[in-house]
């Protein structure tokens, strides 16, 4: 019941919003949510590094640090 009340309050407030910056921020939040709803994490996982590739990449990055001796 609390969720429905909060949604109704937000809808009433949103109807009165005239500030374009606020509306653009709300639109950005909406787009973020759509991305997560349609994003295939399993597909991304398959594209990721293997353990050996990750270790090699970390060694390469650590070796590139400007160490002071």
C-alpha atoms as a PDB file:
ATOM      1  CA  UNK A   1       0.000   0.000   0.000  1.00  0.00           C
ATOM      2  CA  UNK A   2       2.860   2.379   0.777  1.00  0.00           C
ATOM      3  CA  UNK A   3       4.307   1.940  -2.726  1.00  0.00           C
ATOM      4  CA  UNK A   4       1.045   2.920  -4.377  1.00  0.00           C
ATOM      5  CA  UNK A   5       0.779   6.024  -2.202  1.00  0.00           C
ATOM      6  CA  UNK A   6       4.356   7.064  -3.020  1.00  0.00           C
ATOM      7  CA  UNK A   7       3.737   6.588  -6.758  1.00  0.00           C
ATOM      8  CA  UNK A   8       0.586   8.692  -6.592  1.00  0.00           C
ATOM      9  CA  UNK A   9       2.451  11.453  -4.758  1.00  0.00           C
ATOM     10  CA  UNK A  10       5.227  11.411  -7.345  1.00  0.00           C
ATOM     11  CA  UNK A  11       2.779  11.509 -10.245  1.00  0.00           C
ATOM     12  CA  UNK A  12       0.977  14.505  -8.738  1.00  0.00           C
ATOM     13  CA  UNK A  13       4.295  16.284  -8.226  1.00  0.00           C
ATOM     14  CA  UNK A  14       5.529  15.379 -11.717  1.00  0.00           C
ATOM     15  CA  UNK A  15       2.455  16.929 -13.323  1.00  0.00           C
ATOM     16  CA  UNK A  16       3.450  20.274 -11.782  1.00  0.00           C
ATOM     17  CA  UNK A  17       7.162  20.195 -12.663  1.00  0.00           C
ATOM     18  CA  UNK A  18       8.123  22.852 -15.220  1.00  0.00           C
ATOM     19  CA  UNK A  19      11.902  22.857 -14.730  1.00  0.00           C
ATOM     20  CA  UNK A  20      13.509  21.286 -17.818  1.00  0.00           C
ATOM     21  CA  UNK A  21      16.652  20.294 -15.863  1.00  0.00           C
ATOM     22  CA  UNK A  22      14.560  18.263 -13.439  1.00  0.00           C
ATOM     23  CA  UNK A  23      12.665  16.620 -16.280  1.00  0.00           C
ATOM     24  CA  UNK A  24      15.928  15.730 -18.048  1.00  0.00           C
ATOM     25  CA  UNK A  25      17.296  14.172 -14.858  1.00  0.00           C
ATOM     26  CA  UNK A  26      14.136  12.107 -14.451  1.00  0.00           C
ATOM     27  CA  UNK A  27      14.396  11.015 -18.086  1.00  0.00           C
ATOM     28  CA  UNK A  28      18.025   9.945 -17.512  1.00  0.00           C
ATOM     29  CA  UNK A  29      16.935   7.821 -14.540  1.00  0.00           C
ATOM     30  CA  UNK A  30      14.221   6.263 -16.666  1.00  0.00           C
ATOM     31  CA  UNK A  31      16.736   5.382 -19.397  1.00  0.00           C
ATOM     32  CA  UNK A  32      19.094   3.811 -16.843  1.00  0.00           C
ATOM     33  CA  UNK A  33      16.313   1.562 -15.662  1.00  0.00           C
ATOM     34  CA  UNK A  34      15.464   0.483 -19.221  1.00  0.00           C
ATOM     35  CA  UNK A  35      19.109  -0.407 -19.872  1.00  0.00           C
ATOM     36  CA  UNK A  36      19.241  -2.691 -16.849  1.00  0.00           C
ATOM     37  CA  UNK A  37      15.925  -4.305 -17.803  1.00  0.00           C
ATOM     38  CA  UNK A  38      17.136  -5.163 -21.308  1.00  0.00           C
ATOM     39  CA  UNK A  39      20.821  -5.838 -20.587  1.00  0.00           C
ATOM     40  CA  UNK A  40      21.963  -9.449 -20.923  1.00  0.00           C
ATOM     41  CA  UNK A  41      24.470 -10.030 -18.130  1.00  0.00           C
ATOM     42  CA  UNK A  42      25.079 -13.633 -19.189  1.00  0.00           C
ATOM     43  CA  UNK A  43      26.201 -12.418 -22.621  1.00  0.00           C
ATOM     44  CA  UNK A  44      28.539  -9.873 -21.024  1.00  0.00           C
ATOM     45  CA  UNK A  45      29.937 -12.574 -18.743  1.00  0.00           C
ATOM     46  CA  UNK A  46      30.786 -14.732 -21.765  1.00  0.00           C
ATOM     47  CA  UNK A  47      32.660 -11.801 -23.336  1.00  0.00           C
ATOM     48  CA  UNK A  48      34.698 -11.226 -20.159  1.00  0.00           C
ATOM     49  CA  UNK A  49      38.274 -12.170 -19.314  1.00  0.00           C
ATOM     50  CA  UNK A  50      39.270 -15.665 -18.313  1.00  0.00           C
ATOM     51  CA  UNK A  51      41.156 -15.970 -15.032  1.00  0.00           C
ATOM     52  CA  UNK A  52      44.482 -16.174 -16.852  1.00  0.00           C
ATOM     53  CA  UNK A  53      43.661 -13.139 -19.029  1.00  0.00           C
ATOM     54  CA  UNK A  54      42.658 -11.136 -15.953  1.00  0.00           C
ATOM     55  CA  UNK A  55      45.896 -12.036 -14.174  1.00  0.00           C
ATOM     56  CA  UNK A  56      47.956 -11.062 -17.227  1.00  0.00           C
ATOM     57  CA  UNK A  57      46.103  -7.746 -17.538  1.00  0.00           C
ATOM     58  CA  UNK A  58      46.663  -6.948 -13.854  1.00  0.00           C
ATOM     59  CA  UNK A  59      50.383  -7.768 -14.124  1.00  0.00           C
ATOM     60  CA  UNK A  60      50.619  -5.481 -17.158  1.00  0.00           C
ATOM     61  CA  UNK A  61      48.861  -2.630 -15.350  1.00  0.00           C
ATOM     62  CA  UNK A  62      50.906  -3.048 -12.166  1.00  0.00           C
ATOM     63  CA  UNK A  63      54.137  -3.051 -14.201  1.00  0.00           C
ATOM     64  CA  UNK A  64      53.034   0.212 -15.854  1.00  0.00           C
ATOM     65  CA  UNK A  65      52.653   2.057 -12.518  1.00  0.00           C
ATOM     66  CA  UNK A  66      55.249   4.793 -11.963  1.00  0.00           C
ATOM     67  CA  UNK A  67      56.975   3.067  -9.043  1.00  0.00           C
ATOM     68  CA  UNK A  68      59.550   5.094  -7.144  1.00  0.00           C
ATOM     69  CA  UNK A  69      62.729   3.265  -6.190  1.00  0.00           C
END
